[in-house]
Amino acid sequence: MSQQQSAGRQLVQALTPLVVDAGIPTAAYYVLSGGFGMSDVAALAWSSVVPAARTAWGLVRERSVNGLALLILVVNAVGLVTSSLTGDARLMMAKDSGVSSVVGIAVLVSVAAGRPLMSAGLKPWVTKGGPAAEAAWDRLRGGSARFRQLERRFSTIWGSVLLTECVVKIVGVYLLPVHTMVWLGTVLTVVALLLAMVIAGGAGAAPMEQLVTAEAEAANGPGAGSGTPGEAAPAPAVV
């Protein structure tokens, strides 16, 4: 597979959750409320099923507990039940902002605790699944203060952006009409995610990838960063 094809495949993989968790529920809401005459509460409830099901299926398929995915699923489920019982459409929309808030806070707390939640999704992106690169990641995480700083920075940016998105959306939920906020909330989510990707990618992921590549090449020879074995160097270079 060429480098261009690999980059395209990674882009599709990165955007797929965004389409499922933001685009499909928005479209479903307007179809259910406008086409089938459902109330705002019912339409919002049913449109939340797809992203919740996707998260649950991801946990079952991977047969492992991803802390971030599990947190999102639990918060979604609790928020959906609570807001459905109250019958308040605005509260149901605020629930989505609450998910961003809880996840953002959890990510920031995980940084303070020294176990950044975003690293679970960052590691495969940085290492590209190469055994040498994954080994380099583990060595750097254990012995490089610079690497750990970048890892914390990546999660800190994501947590901060999610909290900011939460505040903006909650204000909009109670100031704007429900029909307006459904699509505007999706736009805000997309903008927040893209902003976090760009900032966290440039400030955290990119320099981490450079460190991983250099470490892998120092340990196993040129080309090891992509999983290609080479001649072993005397010792790995931990930055």
C-alpha atoms as a PDB file:
ATOM      1  CA  MET A   1       0.000   0.000   0.000  1.00  0.00           C
ATOM      2  CA  SER A   2       1.379   3.423  -0.984  1.00  0.00           C
ATOM      3  CA  GLN A   3       1.928   6.212   1.544  1.00  0.00           C
ATOM      4  CA  GLN A   4      -0.909   8.197  -0.042  1.00  0.00           C
ATOM      5  CA  GLN A   5      -3.319   5.257   0.229  1.00  0.00           C
ATOM      6  CA  SER A   6      -2.266   4.679   3.839  1.00  0.00           C
ATOM      7  CA  ALA A   7      -2.886   8.338   4.683  1.00  0.00           C
ATOM      8  CA  GLY A   8      -6.282   8.193   2.991  1.00  0.00           C
ATOM      9  CA  ARG A   9      -7.219   5.075   4.916  1.00  0.00           C
ATOM     10  CA  GLN A  10      -6.203   6.698   8.208  1.00  0.00           C
ATOM     11  CA  LEU A  11      -8.279   9.773   7.349  1.00  0.00           C
ATOM     12  CA  VAL A  12     -11.352   7.618   6.683  1.00  0.00           C
ATOM     13  CA  GLN A  13     -10.833   5.745   9.958  1.00  0.00           C
ATOM     14  CA  ALA A  14     -10.514   9.038  11.836  1.00  0.00           C
ATOM     15  CA  LEU A  15     -13.638  10.582  10.297  1.00  0.00           C
ATOM     16  CA  THR A  16     -15.920   7.523  10.503  1.00  0.00           C
ATOM     17  CA  PRO A  17     -16.715   7.949  14.238  1.00  0.00           C
ATOM     18  CA  LEU A  18     -17.374  11.642  13.592  1.00  0.00           C
ATOM     19  CA  VAL A  19     -19.936  10.813  10.894  1.00  0.00           C
ATOM     20  CA  VAL A  20     -21.623   8.146  13.020  1.00  0.00           C
ATOM     21  CA  ASP A  21     -21.684  10.076  16.299  1.00  0.00           C
ATOM     22  CA  ALA A  22     -22.545  13.515  14.886  1.00  0.00           C
ATOM     23  CA  GLY A  23     -23.878  13.335  11.335  1.00  0.00           C
ATOM     24  CA  ILE A  24     -26.244  10.356  11.550  1.00  0.00           C
ATOM     25  CA  PRO A  25     -28.021  11.431  14.787  1.00  0.00           C
ATOM     26  CA  THR A  26     -28.574  14.918  13.370  1.00  0.00           C
ATOM     27  CA  ALA A  27     -30.070  13.588  10.145  1.00  0.00           C
ATOM     28  CA  ALA A  28     -32.152  11.059  12.103  1.00  0.00           C
ATOM     29  CA  TYR A  29     -33.594  13.803  14.308  1.00  0.00           C
ATOM     30  CA  TYR A  30     -34.894  15.838  11.378  1.00  0.00           C
ATOM     31  CA  VAL A  31     -36.264  12.748   9.614  1.00  0.00           C
ATOM     32  CA  LEU A  32     -38.060  11.533  12.740  1.00  0.00           C
ATOM     33  CA  SER A  33     -39.390  14.924  13.816  1.00  0.00           C
ATOM     34  CA  GLY A  34     -40.243  16.315  10.394  1.00  0.00           C
ATOM     35  CA  GLY A  35     -41.001  13.184   8.390  1.00  0.00           C
ATOM     36  CA  PHE A  36     -42.641  11.041  11.075  1.00  0.00           C
ATOM     37  CA  GLY A  37     -44.043  13.783  13.280  1.00  0.00           C
ATOM     38  CA  MET A  38     -42.309  12.635  16.452  1.00  0.00           C
ATOM     39  CA  SER A  39     -41.956  15.030  19.356  1.00  0.00           C
ATOM     40  CA  ASP A  40     -38.591  16.648  19.984  1.00  0.00           C
ATOM     41  CA  VAL A  41     -38.022  14.371  22.983  1.00  0.00           C
ATOM     42  CA  ALA A  42     -38.812  11.165  21.066  1.00  0.00           C
ATOM     43  CA  ALA A  43     -36.783  12.206  18.025  1.00  0.00           C
ATOM     44  CA  LEU A  44     -33.776  13.133  20.159  1.00  0.00           C
ATOM     45  CA  ALA A  45     -34.022   9.863  22.093  1.00  0.00           C
ATOM     46  CA  TRP A  46     -34.178   7.633  19.021  1.00  0.00           C
ATOM     47  CA  SER A  47     -31.443   9.567  17.232  1.00  0.00           C
ATOM     48  CA  SER A  48     -29.123   8.860  20.182  1.00  0.00           C
ATOM     49  CA  VAL A  49     -29.390   5.089  19.706  1.00  0.00           C
ATOM     50  CA  VAL A  50     -26.879   4.819  16.830  1.00  0.00           C
ATOM     51  CA  PRO A  51     -23.823   6.369  18.546  1.00  0.00           C
ATOM     52  CA  ALA A  52     -24.592   4.493  21.783  1.00  0.00           C
ATOM     53  CA  ALA A  53     -24.881   1.198  19.875  1.00  0.00           C
ATOM     54  CA  ARG A  54     -21.637   1.900  18.012  1.00  0.00           C
ATOM     55  CA  THR A  55     -19.760   2.498  21.259  1.00  0.00           C
ATOM     56  CA  ALA A  56     -21.187  -0.660  22.841  1.00  0.00           C
ATOM     57  CA  TRP A  57     -20.378  -2.749  19.771  1.00  0.00           C
ATOM     58  CA  GLY A  58     -16.823  -1.397  19.736  1.00  0.00           C
ATOM     59  CA  LEU A  59     -16.285  -2.571  23.305  1.00  0.00           C
ATOM     60  CA  VAL A  60     -17.704  -6.028  22.515  1.00  0.00           C
ATOM     61  CA  ARG A  61     -15.770  -6.409  19.258  1.00  0.00           C
ATOM     62  CA  GLU A  62     -12.421  -5.428  20.764  1.00  0.00           C
ATOM     63  CA  ARG A  63     -13.036  -7.667  23.795  1.00  0.00           C
ATOM     64  CA  SER A  64     -11.219  -5.155  25.930  1.00  0.00           C
ATOM     65  CA  VAL A  65     -12.319  -2.254  28.104  1.00  0.00           C
ATOM     66  CA  ASN A  66     -11.367   1.114  26.637  1.00  0.00           C
ATOM     67  CA  GLY A  67     -11.756   3.547  29.512  1.00  0.00           C
ATOM     68  CA  LEU A  68     -12.777   6.489  27.337  1.00  0.00           C
ATOM     69  CA  ALA A  69     -15.298   4.533  25.257  1.00  0.00           C
ATOM     70  CA  LEU A  70     -16.827   2.976  28.377  1.00  0.00           C
ATOM     71  CA  LEU A  71     -17.099   6.369  30.036  1.00  0.00           C
ATOM     72  CA  ILE A  72     -18.903   7.844  27.017  1.00  0.00           C
ATOM     73  CA  LEU A  73     -21.324   4.894  26.892  1.00  0.00           C
ATOM     74  CA  VAL A  74     -22.199   5.084  30.607  1.00  0.00           C
ATOM     75  CA  VAL A  75     -22.684   8.862  30.589  1.00  0.00           C
ATOM     76  CA  ASN A  76     -24.835   8.621  27.446  1.00  0.00           C
ATOM     77  CA  ALA A  77     -27.014   5.891  28.948  1.00  0.00           C
ATOM     78  CA  VAL A  78     -27.532   7.652  32.289  1.00  0.00           C
ATOM     79  CA  GLY A  79     -28.191  10.997  30.618  1.00  0.00           C
ATOM     80  CA  LEU A  80     -30.642   9.493  28.129  1.00  0.00           C
ATOM     81  CA  VAL A  81     -32.675   7.748  30.831  1.00  0.00           C
ATOM     82  CA  THR A  82     -32.749  10.811  33.078  1.00  0.00           C
ATOM     83  CA  SER A  83     -33.702  13.303  30.371  1.00  0.00           C
ATOM     84  CA  SER A  84     -36.323  10.923  28.879  1.00  0.00           C
ATOM     85  CA  LEU A  85     -38.045  10.661  32.251  1.00  0.00           C
ATOM     86  CA  THR A  86     -38.253  14.436  32.546  1.00  0.00           C
ATOM     87  CA  GLY A  87     -39.610  14.866  28.995  1.00  0.00           C
ATOM     88  CA  ASP A  88     -37.499  18.022  28.502  1.00  0.00           C
ATOM     89  CA  ALA A  89     -35.997  18.315  25.005  1.00  0.00           C
ATOM     90  CA  ARG A  90     -33.552  21.016  26.078  1.00  0.00           C
ATOM     91  CA  LEU A  91     -32.349  18.847  28.945  1.00  0.00           C
ATOM     92  CA  MET A  92     -31.804  15.997  26.493  1.00  0.00           C
ATOM     93  CA  MET A  93     -29.645  18.273  24.343  1.00  0.00           C
ATOM     94  CA  ALA A  94     -27.805  19.571  27.393  1.00  0.00           C
ATOM     95  CA  LYS A  95     -27.110  15.908  28.199  1.00  0.00           C
ATOM     96  CA  ASP A  96     -24.943  15.680  25.080  1.00  0.00           C
ATOM     97  CA  SER A  97     -22.985  18.689  26.302  1.00  0.00           C
ATOM     98  CA  GLY A  98     -22.759  16.974  29.663  1.00  0.00           C
ATOM     99  CA  VAL A  99     -21.073  14.028  27.953  1.00  0.00           C
ATOM    100  CA  SER A 100     -18.407  16.365  26.569  1.00  0.00           C
ATOM    101  CA  SER A 101     -18.044  17.937  30.009  1.00  0.00           C
ATOM    102  CA  VAL A 102     -17.670  14.634  31.878  1.00  0.00           C
ATOM    103  CA  VAL A 103     -15.287  13.232  29.273  1.00  0.00           C
ATOM    104  CA  GLY A 104     -13.281  16.457  29.205  1.00  0.00           C
ATOM    105  CA  ILE A 105     -12.980  16.504  32.991  1.00  0.00           C
ATOM    106  CA  ALA A 106     -12.094  12.801  33.058  1.00  0.00           C
ATOM    107  CA  VAL A 107      -9.359  13.356  30.470  1.00  0.00           C
ATOM    108  CA  LEU A 108      -7.891  16.262  32.455  1.00  0.00           C
ATOM    109  CA  VAL A 109      -8.058  14.265  35.691  1.00  0.00           C
ATOM    110  CA  SER A 110      -6.314  11.346  33.968  1.00  0.00           C
ATOM    111  CA  VAL A 111      -3.518  13.717  32.947  1.00  0.00           C
ATOM    112  CA  ALA A 112      -3.099  14.870  36.545  1.00  0.00           C
ATOM    113  CA  ALA A 113      -3.048  11.213  37.632  1.00  0.00           C
ATOM    114  CA  GLY A 114      -0.326  10.392  35.102  1.00  0.00           C
ATOM    115  CA  ARG A 115      -2.497   8.070  32.990  1.00  0.00           C
ATOM    116  CA  PRO A 116      -3.726  10.178  30.014  1.00  0.00           C
ATOM    117  CA  LEU A 117      -6.942   8.674  28.630  1.00  0.00           C
ATOM    118  CA  MET A 118      -6.307   9.833  25.069  1.00  0.00           C
ATOM    119  CA  SER A 119      -3.147   7.726  24.822  1.00  0.00           C
ATOM    120  CA  ALA A 120      -5.188   4.584  24.067  1.00  0.00           C
ATOM    121  CA  GLY A 121      -6.230   6.066  20.726  1.00  0.00           C
ATOM    122  CA  LEU A 122      -3.000   8.002  20.170  1.00  0.00           C
ATOM    123  CA  LYS A 123      -0.577   5.072  20.348  1.00  0.00           C
ATOM    124  CA  PRO A 124      -1.859   3.178  17.238  1.00  0.00           C
ATOM    125  CA  TRP A 125      -1.899   6.458  15.296  1.00  0.00           C
ATOM    126  CA  VAL A 126       1.716   7.300  16.213  1.00  0.00           C
ATOM    127  CA  THR A 127       3.181   3.810  15.870  1.00  0.00           C
ATOM    128  CA  LYS A 128       1.138   2.754  12.788  1.00  0.00           C
ATOM    129  CA  GLY A 129       0.977  -0.714  14.351  1.00  0.00           C
ATOM    130  CA  GLY A 130       4.675  -1.428  13.721  1.00  0.00           C
ATOM    131  CA  PRO A 131       6.205  -3.737  16.358  1.00  0.00           C
ATOM    132  CA  ALA A 132       9.452  -1.755  16.505  1.00  0.00           C
ATOM    133  CA  ALA A 133       7.578   1.528  16.825  1.00  0.00           C
ATOM    134  CA  GLU A 134       5.334   0.110  19.557  1.00  0.00           C
ATOM    135  CA  ALA A 135       8.388  -1.075  21.464  1.00  0.00           C
ATOM    136  CA  ALA A 136       9.943   2.362  21.009  1.00  0.00           C
ATOM    137  CA  TRP A 137       6.759   3.972  22.374  1.00  0.00           C
ATOM    138  CA  ASP A 138       6.946   1.788  25.499  1.00  0.00           C
ATOM    139  CA  ARG A 139      10.633   2.603  26.051  1.00  0.00           C
ATOM    140  CA  LEU A 140      10.082   6.325  25.613  1.00  0.00           C
ATOM    141  CA  ARG A 141       7.056   6.307  27.892  1.00  0.00           C
ATOM    142  CA  GLY A 142       9.148   4.667  30.578  1.00  0.00           C
ATOM    143  CA  GLY A 143      12.348   6.666  30.176  1.00  0.00           C
ATOM    144  CA  SER A 144      11.717   9.986  28.413  1.00  0.00           C
ATOM    145  CA  ALA A 145      10.400  12.970  30.362  1.00  0.00           C
ATOM    146  CA  ARG A 146       9.960  14.870  27.080  1.00  0.00           C
ATOM    147  CA  PHE A 147       7.799  12.091  25.623  1.00  0.00           C
ATOM    148  CA  ARG A 148       5.586  11.927  28.706  1.00  0.00           C
ATOM    149  CA  GLN A 149       5.218  15.718  28.618  1.00  0.00           C
ATOM    150  CA  LEU A 150       4.005  15.560  25.013  1.00  0.00           C
ATOM    151  CA  GLU A 151       1.649  12.713  25.906  1.00  0.00           C
ATOM    152  CA  ARG A 152       0.131  14.790  28.710  1.00  0.00           C
ATOM    153  CA  ARG A 153      -0.079  17.835  26.434  1.00  0.00           C
ATOM    154  CA  PHE A 154      -2.051  15.867  23.844  1.00  0.00           C
ATOM    155  CA  SER A 155      -4.700  14.805  26.366  1.00  0.00           C
ATOM    156  CA  THR A 156      -4.754  18.250  28.026  1.00  0.00           C
ATOM    157  CA  ILE A 157      -5.619  19.912  24.726  1.00  0.00           C
ATOM    158  CA  TRP A 158      -8.411  17.426  24.044  1.00  0.00           C
ATOM    159  CA  GLY A 159      -9.842  17.777  27.544  1.00  0.00           C
ATOM    160  CA  SER A 160      -9.772  21.576  27.373  1.00  0.00           C
ATOM    161  CA  VAL A 161     -11.449  21.691  23.955  1.00  0.00           C
ATOM    162  CA  LEU A 162     -14.209  19.314  25.089  1.00  0.00           C
ATOM    163  CA  LEU A 163     -14.919  21.430  28.169  1.00  0.00           C
ATOM    164  CA  THR A 164     -15.065  24.603  26.088  1.00  0.00           C
ATOM    165  CA  GLU A 165     -17.438  22.942  23.618  1.00  0.00           C
ATOM    166  CA  CYS A 166     -19.656  21.919  26.529  1.00  0.00           C
ATOM    167  CA  VAL A 167     -19.990  25.457  27.862  1.00  0.00           C
ATOM    168  CA  VAL A 168     -20.753  26.939  24.429  1.00  0.00           C
ATOM    169  CA  LYS A 169     -23.374  24.275  23.623  1.00  0.00           C
ATOM    170  CA  ILE A 170     -25.168  24.531  26.969  1.00  0.00           C
ATOM    171  CA  VAL A 171     -25.493  28.280  26.524  1.00  0.00           C
ATOM    172  CA  GLY A 172     -26.879  27.709  23.014  1.00  0.00           C
ATOM    173  CA  VAL A 173     -29.326  25.027  24.186  1.00  0.00           C
ATOM    174  CA  TYR A 174     -31.119  27.440  26.504  1.00  0.00           C
ATOM    175  CA  LEU A 175     -30.917  30.508  24.268  1.00  0.00           C
ATOM    176  CA  LEU A 176     -31.789  29.115  20.821  1.00  0.00           C
ATOM    177  CA  PRO A 177     -34.749  27.068  19.454  1.00  0.00           C
ATOM    178  CA  VAL A 178     -34.385  23.280  19.670  1.00  0.00           C
ATOM    179  CA  HIS A 179     -34.563  22.807  15.888  1.00  0.00           C
ATOM    180  CA  THR A 180     -31.757  25.329  15.424  1.00  0.00           C
ATOM    181  CA  MET A 181     -29.543  23.930  18.144  1.00  0.00           C
ATOM    182  CA  VAL A 182     -29.731  20.372  16.785  1.00  0.00           C
ATOM    183  CA  TRP A 183     -27.787  21.261  13.642  1.00  0.00           C
ATOM    184  CA  LEU A 184     -25.746  24.033  15.273  1.00  0.00           C
ATOM    185  CA  GLY A 185     -24.721  21.673  18.054  1.00  0.00           C
ATOM    186  CA  THR A 186     -23.415  19.231  15.442  1.00  0.00           C
ATOM    187  CA  VAL A 187     -21.476  22.028  13.747  1.00  0.00           C
ATOM    188  CA  LEU A 188     -19.946  23.042  17.077  1.00  0.00           C
ATOM    189  CA  THR A 189     -18.988  19.432  17.769  1.00  0.00           C
ATOM    190  CA  VAL A 190     -17.345  19.023  14.356  1.00  0.00           C
ATOM    191  CA  VAL A 191     -15.461  22.308  14.729  1.00  0.00           C
ATOM    192  CA  ALA A 192     -14.310  21.363  18.240  1.00  0.00           C
ATOM    193  CA  LEU A 193     -13.106  17.912  17.146  1.00  0.00           C
ATOM    194  CA  LEU A 194     -11.284  19.245  14.099  1.00  0.00           C
ATOM    195  CA  LEU A 195      -9.727  22.014  16.181  1.00  0.00           C
ATOM    196  CA  ALA A 196      -8.559  19.514  18.786  1.00  0.00           C
ATOM    197  CA  MET A 197      -7.151  17.232  16.069  1.00  0.00           C
ATOM    198  CA  VAL A 198      -5.154  20.050  14.483  1.00  0.00           C
ATOM    199  CA  ILE A 199      -3.837  21.615  17.694  1.00  0.00           C
ATOM    200  CA  ALA A 200      -3.174  18.382  19.587  1.00  0.00           C
ATOM    201  CA  GLY A 201      -1.742  16.777  16.457  1.00  0.00           C
ATOM    202  CA  GLY A 202       0.756  19.555  15.878  1.00  0.00           C
ATOM    203  CA  ALA A 203       1.642  20.152  19.524  1.00  0.00           C
ATOM    204  CA  GLY A 204       1.653  16.546  20.709  1.00  0.00           C
ATOM    205  CA  ALA A 205       1.214  13.718  18.210  1.00  0.00           C
ATOM    206  CA  ALA A 206       3.639  14.965  15.534  1.00  0.00           C
ATOM    207  CA  PRO A 207       6.655  15.463  17.838  1.00  0.00           C
ATOM    208  CA  MET A 208       5.838  12.186  19.588  1.00  0.00           C
ATOM    209  CA  GLU A 209       5.909  10.393  16.235  1.00  0.00           C
ATOM    210  CA  GLN A 210       9.315  11.921  15.502  1.00  0.00           C
ATOM    211  CA  LEU A 211      10.651  10.694  18.839  1.00  0.00           C
ATOM    212  CA  VAL A 212       9.230   7.204  18.263  1.00  0.00           C
ATOM    213  CA  THR A 213      10.754   6.998  14.778  1.00  0.00           C
ATOM    214  CA  ALA A 214      14.163   8.154  16.023  1.00  0.00           C
ATOM    215  CA  GLU A 215      14.077   5.756  18.966  1.00  0.00           C
ATOM    216  CA  ALA A 216      13.058   2.788  16.803  1.00  0.00           C
ATOM    217  CA  GLU A 217      15.775   3.521  14.258  1.00  0.00           C
ATOM    218  CA  ALA A 218      18.394   3.906  16.990  1.00  0.00           C
ATOM    219  CA  ALA A 219      17.392   0.558  18.471  1.00  0.00           C
ATOM    220  CA  ASN A 220      16.944  -1.516  15.300  1.00  0.00           C
ATOM    221  CA  GLY A 221      18.442   0.413  12.420  1.00  0.00           C
ATOM    222  CA  PRO A 222      16.901   2.659   9.711  1.00  0.00           C
ATOM    223  CA  GLY A 223      13.374   1.748   8.665  1.00  0.00           C
ATOM    224  CA  ALA A 224      12.439   0.192  11.993  1.00  0.00           C
ATOM    225  CA  GLY A 225       9.937   2.928  12.748  1.00  0.00           C
ATOM    226  CA  SER A 226       7.567   1.400  10.215  1.00  0.00           C
ATOM    227  CA  GLY A 227       8.096  -2.100  11.529  1.00  0.00           C
ATOM    228  CA  THR A 228      10.954  -3.054   9.136  1.00  0.00           C
ATOM    229  CA  PRO A 229      13.737  -4.779  11.039  1.00  0.00           C
ATOM    230  CA  GLY A 230      17.277  -3.606  10.581  1.00  0.00           C
ATOM    231  CA  GLU A 231      20.654  -4.115  12.188  1.00  0.00           C
ATOM    232  CA  ALA A 232      20.557  -3.598  15.892  1.00  0.00           C
ATOM    233  CA  ALA A 233      22.313  -0.552  17.258  1.00  0.00           C
ATOM    234  CA  PRO A 234      24.392  -0.797  20.454  1.00  0.00           C
ATOM    235  CA  ALA A 235      21.679   0.859  22.540  1.00  0.00           C
ATOM    236  CA  PRO A 236      18.371   2.682  22.123  1.00  0.00           C
ATOM    237  CA  ALA A 237      18.420   6.464  22.181  1.00  0.00           C
ATOM    238  CA  VAL A 238      16.000   7.661  24.833  1.00  0.00           C
ATOM    239  CA  VAL A 239      15.384  11.385  24.537  1.00  0.00           C
END
